[in-house]
Amino acid sequence: MTSPGYTEHLVLDGVLTASQVAETVAGILAVQRPDGAIPWFRGHHLDPWDHTEAAMALDAAGEHEAAARAYAWLARHQNADGSWYAAYHDGDHARPTDRARETNFCAYLAVGVWHHYLATGDDAFADRMWPAVYAAVEFVLALQQPGGEIGWKREEDGTPVNDALLTGSSSIHQALRCALALAEQREEPQPDWELALGALRHAIEKHPERFLDKNRYSMDWYYPVLAGALTGPAAKERIEAQWDDFVVPGLGVRCVLPNPWVTGGESCELALALWATGESDRALEILQDVQHLRADDGSGLYWTGYVFDDQAIWPRELTTWTAGSLLLAVAALGGHEPTCAVFGGERLPRGLDPDCC
């Protein structure tokens, strides 16, 4: 169980008390399988991105052994080409239920591994995970397009889907920075990754036309900020531009316009993005607002979303990744250094700016 010394940074007025922190961490641990896998909830599927987010939350809570088991699960189930499948059955044999291989799902391992290394200083862990990180990044960059954006998946038969998603490419931007930080720590420079990162950031900053139009989704609104591709005045301008569209006072953040549906994961990720821009007060308000999604069953977990026109919880599922996103946002506001380093990004490599426009 999480020790108080590790969780002081997770206690936040109006969000989590010490006992609630312990419940939430225990709730994620209760879902984690003995083999390290963290499905959305027991009986549902696992995807590599949300699995990693939940593992990062465990590290933020001091549950390093459990987080390490989660990363070991990924290393054991990595495909020969460096990828993972988009979804796996919650069962002993990790049977894939969706054999597409999504680039942002595969890249996110680098964020989790760097976060775990910063939290533990475990060089042996970094050595064990480096081959998996390297292979994953190479898989992802094989789908980078001439304009810098990243094609969003390979189909089951290997066919590349070259269309790019702004949210996914932004997440990959953060992952490449963490992968380069790990490479630097190992003294194994990766100049091709630096070039790829610079080209990707340029596409996100300057060329929205290179991405599929998904601007109805709140993730496309805040993710370039959350992932560190937009910073400073540009980041604040982007957040302000659609604040009234997506933020529902007292309830949280809409997932998609115009639906009257707020979701915990998007709300907590927006809070992280706000924290990264120096807007800690507004981040705290969002995290306080979303507490209406906390289940009252003692599990410490959170409902995925709420349809406010109907005053109804929907869907009826308590997801590890919603709880994980909350713990990570609280950890950033609480000054947890590894979480701040990964999402603040001040010391992460920026890559090389491209020669072209």
Protein backbone atom coordinates (compact mmCIF):
# COMPACT_ATOMS: atom_id res chain seq x y z
CA MET A 1 0.00 0.00 0.00
CA THR A 2 1.09 3.52 -0.71
CA SER A 3 3.06 5.13 2.10
CA PRO A 4 2.21 8.67 3.35
CA GLY A 5 5.72 9.84 2.49
CA TYR A 6 5.06 9.18 -1.16
CA THR A 7 1.57 10.64 -1.28
CA GLU A 8 1.89 14.06 0.34
CA HIS A 9 2.06 15.59 -3.14
CA LEU A 10 -1.24 13.86 -4.01
CA VAL A 11 -3.25 15.49 -1.23
CA LEU A 12 -4.97 18.54 -2.67
CA ASP A 13 -7.68 20.71 -1.11
CA GLY A 14 -11.08 20.03 -2.58
CA VAL A 15 -9.73 17.16 -4.70
CA LEU A 16 -8.15 14.36 -2.67
CA THR A 17 -7.65 13.72 1.02
CA ALA A 18 -4.94 11.32 2.18
CA SER A 19 -7.49 8.54 2.66
CA GLN A 20 -8.95 9.18 -0.80
CA VAL A 21 -5.49 9.00 -2.34
CA ALA A 22 -4.99 5.62 -0.72
CA GLU A 23 -8.37 4.42 -2.01
CA THR A 24 -7.65 5.54 -5.57
CA VAL A 25 -4.21 3.94 -5.69
CA ALA A 26 -5.63 0.75 -4.19
CA GLY A 27 -8.40 0.87 -6.80
CA ILE A 28 -5.89 0.85 -9.67
CA LEU A 29 -3.82 -1.88 -7.99
CA ALA A 30 -6.94 -4.00 -7.57
CA VAL A 31 -7.52 -3.93 -11.32
CA GLN A 32 -3.90 -4.67 -12.24
CA ARG A 33 -3.42 -8.31 -13.13
CA PRO A 34 -0.70 -10.44 -11.50
CA ASP A 35 1.21 -10.39 -14.81
CA GLY A 36 1.38 -6.57 -14.67
CA ALA A 37 -1.37 -5.77 -17.19
CA ILE A 38 -3.71 -2.87 -16.33
CA PRO A 39 -6.98 -3.13 -18.29
CA TRP A 40 -9.56 -0.36 -18.32
CA PHE A 41 -11.44 -2.42 -15.76
CA ARG A 42 -11.59 -6.14 -15.10
CA GLY A 43 -13.31 -7.94 -17.95
CA HIS A 44 -12.63 -5.12 -20.41
CA HIS A 45 -9.71 -4.67 -22.77
CA LEU A 46 -6.24 -3.20 -22.28
CA ASP A 47 -4.68 -0.71 -24.65
CA PRO A 48 -0.98 0.23 -24.44
CA TRP A 49 -1.52 3.98 -23.99
CA ASP A 50 -4.00 3.82 -21.11
CA HIS A 51 -2.05 0.97 -19.53
CA THR A 52 1.00 3.26 -19.51
CA GLU A 53 -0.94 6.19 -18.07
CA ALA A 54 -2.14 4.03 -15.18
CA ALA A 55 1.42 2.80 -14.59
CA MET A 56 2.65 6.39 -14.44
CA ALA A 57 0.01 7.15 -11.82
CA LEU A 58 1.29 4.23 -9.75
CA ASP A 59 4.81 5.65 -9.93
CA ALA A 60 3.49 9.06 -8.86
CA ALA A 61 2.02 7.29 -5.83
CA GLY A 62 5.26 5.48 -4.98
CA GLU A 63 4.07 2.07 -6.19
CA HIS A 64 7.23 1.53 -8.20
CA GLU A 65 7.25 -2.26 -8.20
CA ALA A 66 3.71 -2.39 -9.59
CA ALA A 67 4.62 0.18 -12.26
CA ALA A 68 7.72 -1.79 -13.21
CA ARG A 69 5.57 -4.91 -13.67
CA ALA A 70 3.31 -2.93 -15.98
CA TYR A 71 6.26 -1.93 -18.16
CA ALA A 72 7.61 -5.48 -18.11
CA TRP A 73 4.24 -6.61 -19.49
CA LEU A 74 4.68 -4.25 -22.43
CA ALA A 75 8.22 -5.45 -23.08
CA ARG A 76 7.06 -9.08 -23.12
CA HIS A 77 4.20 -8.41 -25.53
CA GLN A 78 5.94 -6.10 -28.00
CA ASN A 79 5.66 -7.21 -31.61
CA ALA A 80 8.75 -7.95 -33.67
CA ASP A 81 8.33 -4.65 -35.55
CA GLY A 82 8.41 -2.61 -32.31
CA SER A 83 4.64 -2.12 -32.10
CA TRP A 84 1.78 -3.25 -29.91
CA TYR A 85 -1.74 -4.03 -30.96
CA ALA A 86 -4.42 -1.47 -30.26
CA ALA A 87 -6.31 -3.67 -27.76
CA TYR A 88 -5.84 -6.88 -25.79
CA HIS A 89 -8.37 -9.10 -24.05
CA ASP A 90 -8.30 -9.03 -20.25
CA GLY A 91 -7.12 -12.59 -19.90
CA ASP A 92 -4.12 -14.75 -19.16
CA HIS A 93 -2.89 -14.99 -22.74
CA ALA A 94 -3.13 -11.31 -23.77
CA ARG A 95 -5.13 -12.17 -26.89
CA PRO A 96 -5.35 -9.16 -29.23
CA THR A 97 -8.87 -7.92 -29.88
CA ASP A 98 -7.83 -5.17 -32.30
CA ARG A 99 -4.77 -5.93 -34.43
CA ALA A 100 -4.30 -2.43 -35.78
CA ARG A 101 -1.07 -0.83 -34.51
CA GLU A 102 -1.57 2.81 -33.56
CA THR A 103 1.50 5.00 -33.54
CA ASN A 104 0.66 7.13 -30.52
CA PHE A 105 -0.15 4.00 -28.50
CA CYS A 106 3.26 2.60 -29.34
CA ALA A 107 5.23 5.78 -28.73
CA TYR A 108 3.81 6.43 -25.26
CA LEU A 109 5.99 3.75 -23.69
CA ALA A 110 8.86 6.26 -23.84
CA VAL A 111 6.95 8.72 -21.64
CA GLY A 112 6.25 6.06 -19.05
CA VAL A 113 9.76 4.65 -19.04
CA TRP A 114 11.34 8.09 -18.61
CA HIS A 115 8.88 8.94 -15.85
CA HIS A 116 9.69 5.68 -14.04
CA TYR A 117 13.42 6.27 -14.40
CA LEU A 118 13.11 9.78 -12.97
CA ALA A 119 11.01 8.43 -10.11
CA THR A 120 13.38 5.59 -9.22
CA GLY A 121 16.83 6.28 -10.68
CA ASP A 122 16.83 2.60 -11.63
CA ASP A 123 19.54 2.23 -14.26
CA ALA A 124 18.91 -1.50 -14.63
CA PHE A 125 15.29 -0.76 -15.51
CA ALA A 126 16.39 1.77 -18.13
CA ASP A 127 18.78 -0.78 -19.60
CA ARG A 128 16.05 -3.42 -19.76
CA MET A 129 13.51 -1.12 -21.37
CA TRP A 130 15.78 0.71 -23.82
CA PRO A 131 15.46 -1.93 -26.59
CA ALA A 132 11.66 -1.74 -26.35
CA VAL A 133 11.68 2.06 -26.44
CA TYR A 134 14.10 2.11 -29.37
CA ALA A 135 12.06 -0.39 -31.39
CA ALA A 136 8.81 1.44 -30.64
CA VAL A 137 10.21 4.79 -31.78
CA GLU A 138 11.56 3.27 -34.98
CA PHE A 139 8.15 1.74 -35.71
CA VAL A 140 6.47 5.10 -35.18
CA LEU A 141 8.92 7.15 -37.24
CA ALA A 142 8.53 4.80 -40.18
CA LEU A 143 5.08 6.38 -40.55
CA GLN A 144 6.29 9.99 -40.43
CA GLN A 145 5.14 11.90 -43.49
CA PRO A 146 7.18 14.40 -45.55
CA GLY A 147 5.39 17.27 -43.77
CA GLY A 148 6.49 16.03 -40.33
CA GLU A 149 3.15 14.65 -39.15
CA ILE A 150 2.85 10.97 -38.16
CA GLY A 151 0.46 8.58 -39.88
CA TRP A 152 -1.83 7.26 -37.21
CA LYS A 153 -1.65 3.47 -37.63
CA ARG A 154 -0.85 0.36 -39.60
CA GLU A 155 -3.75 -1.90 -40.40
CA GLU A 156 -3.69 -5.56 -39.42
CA ASP A 157 -2.24 -6.51 -42.80
CA GLY A 158 0.54 -3.91 -42.46
CA THR A 159 -0.99 -1.28 -44.72
CA PRO A 160 0.05 2.18 -43.46
CA VAL A 161 -2.65 4.76 -42.77
CA ASN A 162 -0.82 7.97 -43.56
CA ASP A 163 -3.54 10.34 -42.40
CA ALA A 164 -2.42 12.06 -39.22
CA LEU A 165 -4.32 12.95 -36.05
CA LEU A 166 -3.34 16.11 -34.22
CA THR A 167 -3.92 14.56 -30.80
CA GLY A 168 -1.94 11.44 -31.66
CA SER A 169 0.92 13.34 -33.24
CA SER A 170 1.05 15.69 -30.26
CA SER A 171 1.29 12.73 -27.91
CA ILE A 172 4.10 11.35 -30.07
CA HIS A 173 5.84 14.74 -29.78
CA GLN A 174 6.00 14.30 -26.01
CA ALA A 175 7.10 10.68 -26.38
CA LEU A 176 9.95 11.56 -28.74
CA ARG A 177 11.23 14.13 -26.25
CA CYS A 178 11.22 11.53 -23.49
CA ALA A 179 12.87 8.94 -25.76
CA LEU A 180 15.62 11.43 -26.59
CA ALA A 181 16.09 12.18 -22.89
CA LEU A 182 16.55 8.47 -22.25
CA ALA A 183 18.99 8.24 -25.18
CA GLU A 184 20.98 11.17 -23.80
CA GLN A 185 21.08 9.59 -20.35
CA ARG A 186 22.48 6.44 -21.96
CA GLU A 187 24.93 8.46 -24.07
CA GLU A 188 23.44 6.98 -27.24
CA PRO A 189 22.62 10.03 -29.40
CA GLN A 190 19.83 9.65 -31.95
CA PRO A 191 20.20 12.51 -34.48
CA ASP A 192 17.48 11.09 -36.73
CA TRP A 193 15.02 11.29 -33.85
CA GLU A 194 16.03 14.90 -33.22
CA LEU A 195 15.27 15.79 -36.82
CA ALA A 196 11.99 13.91 -36.71
CA LEU A 197 10.96 15.69 -33.52
CA GLY A 198 11.71 19.13 -34.96
CA ALA A 199 9.74 18.39 -38.12
CA LEU A 200 6.80 17.08 -36.08
CA ARG A 201 6.73 20.12 -33.82
CA HIS A 202 6.85 22.42 -36.85
CA ALA A 203 3.86 20.63 -38.38
CA ILE A 204 1.88 20.96 -35.15
CA GLU A 205 2.78 24.62 -34.69
CA LYS A 206 2.42 25.86 -38.25
CA HIS A 207 0.43 23.44 -40.40
CA PRO A 208 -2.96 22.38 -39.01
CA GLU A 209 -3.98 21.45 -42.56
CA ARG A 210 -1.66 18.44 -42.38
CA PHE A 211 -3.93 16.76 -39.83
CA LEU A 212 -7.42 15.35 -40.11
CA ASP A 213 -10.08 17.81 -38.99
CA LYS A 214 -11.13 16.63 -35.53
CA ASN A 215 -11.63 20.04 -33.95
CA ARG A 216 -14.94 18.98 -32.41
CA TYR A 217 -12.91 16.91 -29.96
CA SER A 218 -11.48 18.60 -26.89
CA MET A 219 -8.28 16.58 -27.11
CA ASP A 220 -7.40 18.28 -30.39
CA TRP A 221 -7.87 21.60 -28.57
CA TYR A 222 -5.58 21.08 -25.58
CA TYR A 223 -3.22 18.27 -26.60
CA PRO A 224 -0.66 20.40 -28.47
CA VAL A 225 -0.29 22.31 -25.17
CA LEU A 226 -0.30 19.23 -22.93
CA ALA A 227 2.36 17.58 -25.08
CA GLY A 228 4.65 20.62 -25.10
CA ALA A 229 4.43 21.37 -28.82
CA LEU A 230 2.87 24.77 -28.08
CA THR A 231 4.25 26.82 -25.20
CA GLY A 232 4.19 30.39 -23.93
CA PRO A 233 1.75 32.88 -25.49
CA ALA A 234 0.79 30.46 -28.28
CA ALA A 235 -0.29 27.88 -25.74
CA LYS A 236 -2.34 30.33 -23.72
CA GLU A 237 -3.94 31.74 -26.84
CA ARG A 238 -4.99 28.26 -27.93
CA ILE A 239 -6.52 27.44 -24.56
CA GLU A 240 -8.46 30.71 -24.41
CA ALA A 241 -9.76 30.37 -27.95
CA GLN A 242 -12.10 27.46 -27.16
CA TRP A 243 -12.43 27.59 -23.39
CA ASP A 244 -16.13 28.48 -23.50
CA ASP A 245 -16.78 25.79 -26.10
CA PHE A 246 -15.43 22.90 -24.07
CA VAL A 247 -15.43 23.81 -20.36
CA VAL A 248 -18.71 23.33 -18.50
CA PRO A 249 -18.44 25.25 -15.21
CA GLY A 250 -18.85 23.02 -12.20
CA LEU A 251 -18.76 19.79 -14.22
CA GLY A 252 -15.58 19.52 -16.27
CA VAL A 253 -14.66 19.29 -19.94
CA ARG A 254 -16.76 18.11 -22.86
CA CYS A 255 -15.30 15.23 -24.83
CA VAL A 256 -16.81 16.28 -28.15
CA LEU A 257 -18.96 19.15 -29.37
CA PRO A 258 -21.89 19.66 -29.18
CA ASN A 259 -22.59 16.63 -26.99
CA PRO A 260 -23.64 17.38 -23.38
CA TRP A 261 -21.10 14.91 -22.06
CA VAL A 262 -18.18 15.74 -19.77
CA THR A 263 -15.44 13.19 -19.22
CA GLY A 264 -12.96 12.74 -16.42
CA GLY A 265 -9.94 11.90 -18.55
CA GLU A 266 -10.24 14.98 -20.75
CA SER A 267 -10.89 17.17 -17.70
CA CYS A 268 -7.77 15.96 -15.90
CA GLU A 269 -5.63 16.24 -19.02
CA LEU A 270 -6.80 19.82 -19.51
CA ALA A 271 -5.81 20.47 -15.89
CA LEU A 272 -2.33 19.16 -16.69
CA ALA A 273 -2.15 21.42 -19.74
CA LEU A 274 -3.26 24.41 -17.65
CA TRP A 275 -0.63 23.61 -15.04
CA ALA A 276 2.01 23.47 -17.78
CA THR A 277 1.08 27.02 -18.86
CA GLY A 278 1.27 28.35 -15.31
CA GLU A 279 -2.51 28.35 -14.80
CA SER A 280 -2.50 26.29 -11.60
CA ASP A 281 -5.55 28.02 -10.13
CA ARG A 282 -7.70 27.12 -13.11
CA ALA A 283 -6.25 23.62 -13.13
CA LEU A 284 -7.29 23.20 -9.51
CA GLU A 285 -10.81 24.37 -10.30
CA ILE A 286 -11.14 21.77 -13.06
CA LEU A 287 -9.94 19.00 -10.76
CA GLN A 288 -12.37 20.11 -8.05
CA ASP A 289 -15.21 20.22 -10.55
CA VAL A 290 -14.61 16.68 -11.76
CA GLN A 291 -14.95 15.15 -8.31
CA HIS A 292 -18.64 14.53 -9.00
CA LEU A 293 -17.37 11.57 -11.07
CA ARG A 294 -15.79 9.85 -8.06
CA ALA A 295 -17.67 6.64 -7.31
CA ASP A 296 -19.25 6.36 -3.88
CA ASP A 297 -18.54 2.62 -3.57
CA GLY A 298 -15.21 2.99 -1.78
CA SER A 299 -13.23 1.81 -4.81
CA GLY A 300 -11.51 5.18 -5.20
CA LEU A 301 -12.15 5.02 -8.95
CA TYR A 302 -13.91 7.47 -11.25
CA TRP A 303 -16.72 7.16 -13.76
CA THR A 304 -15.64 7.82 -17.32
CA GLY A 305 -18.25 10.50 -18.00
CA TYR A 306 -21.51 12.28 -17.23
CA VAL A 307 -24.34 13.32 -19.57
CA PHE A 308 -25.45 16.53 -17.92
CA ASP A 309 -28.65 17.05 -19.92
CA ASP A 310 -29.90 13.72 -18.56
CA GLN A 311 -28.10 13.97 -15.21
CA ALA A 312 -26.78 10.48 -15.89
CA ILE A 313 -23.46 8.71 -15.48
CA TRP A 314 -22.46 7.28 -18.87
CA PRO A 315 -20.97 4.90 -19.64
CA ARG A 316 -21.33 2.87 -16.46
CA GLU A 317 -17.66 2.05 -16.17
CA LEU A 318 -14.94 2.90 -13.65
CA THR A 319 -11.72 3.17 -15.63
CA THR A 320 -8.15 2.92 -14.39
CA TRP A 321 -7.03 5.54 -16.88
CA THR A 322 -9.51 8.11 -15.59
CA ALA A 323 -8.16 7.61 -12.07
CA GLY A 324 -4.64 7.64 -13.46
CA SER A 325 -5.10 10.94 -15.25
CA LEU A 326 -6.43 12.48 -12.06
CA LEU A 327 -3.47 11.30 -9.98
CA LEU A 328 -1.00 12.61 -12.56
CA ALA A 329 -2.66 16.04 -12.69
CA VAL A 330 -2.68 16.24 -8.89
CA ALA A 331 0.95 15.10 -8.78
CA ALA A 332 1.95 17.93 -11.11
CA LEU A 333 0.13 20.51 -9.01
CA GLY A 334 1.69 18.96 -5.91
CA GLY A 335 5.22 19.36 -7.26
CA HIS A 336 6.09 15.69 -7.82
CA GLU A 337 9.40 16.17 -9.64
CA PRO A 338 9.24 13.27 -12.15
CA THR A 339 5.69 14.16 -13.18
CA CYS A 340 6.57 17.84 -13.43
CA ALA A 341 9.62 17.01 -15.55
CA VAL A 342 7.65 14.87 -17.99
CA PHE A 343 4.71 17.26 -18.42
CA GLY A 344 6.49 20.57 -17.81
CA GLY A 345 9.17 19.68 -20.32
CA GLU A 346 11.65 22.43 -19.48
CA ARG A 347 14.58 20.00 -19.50
CA LEU A 348 13.37 17.65 -22.22
CA PRO A 349 15.17 17.77 -25.60
CA ARG A 350 13.46 19.92 -28.24
CA GLY A 351 14.93 18.32 -31.34
CA LEU A 352 16.26 20.18 -34.37
CA ASP A 353 14.26 22.76 -36.26
CA PRO A 354 13.66 21.84 -39.92
CA ASP A 355 15.25 23.79 -42.74
CA CYS A 356 12.00 24.12 -44.65
CA CYS A 357 8.67 25.83 -43.87
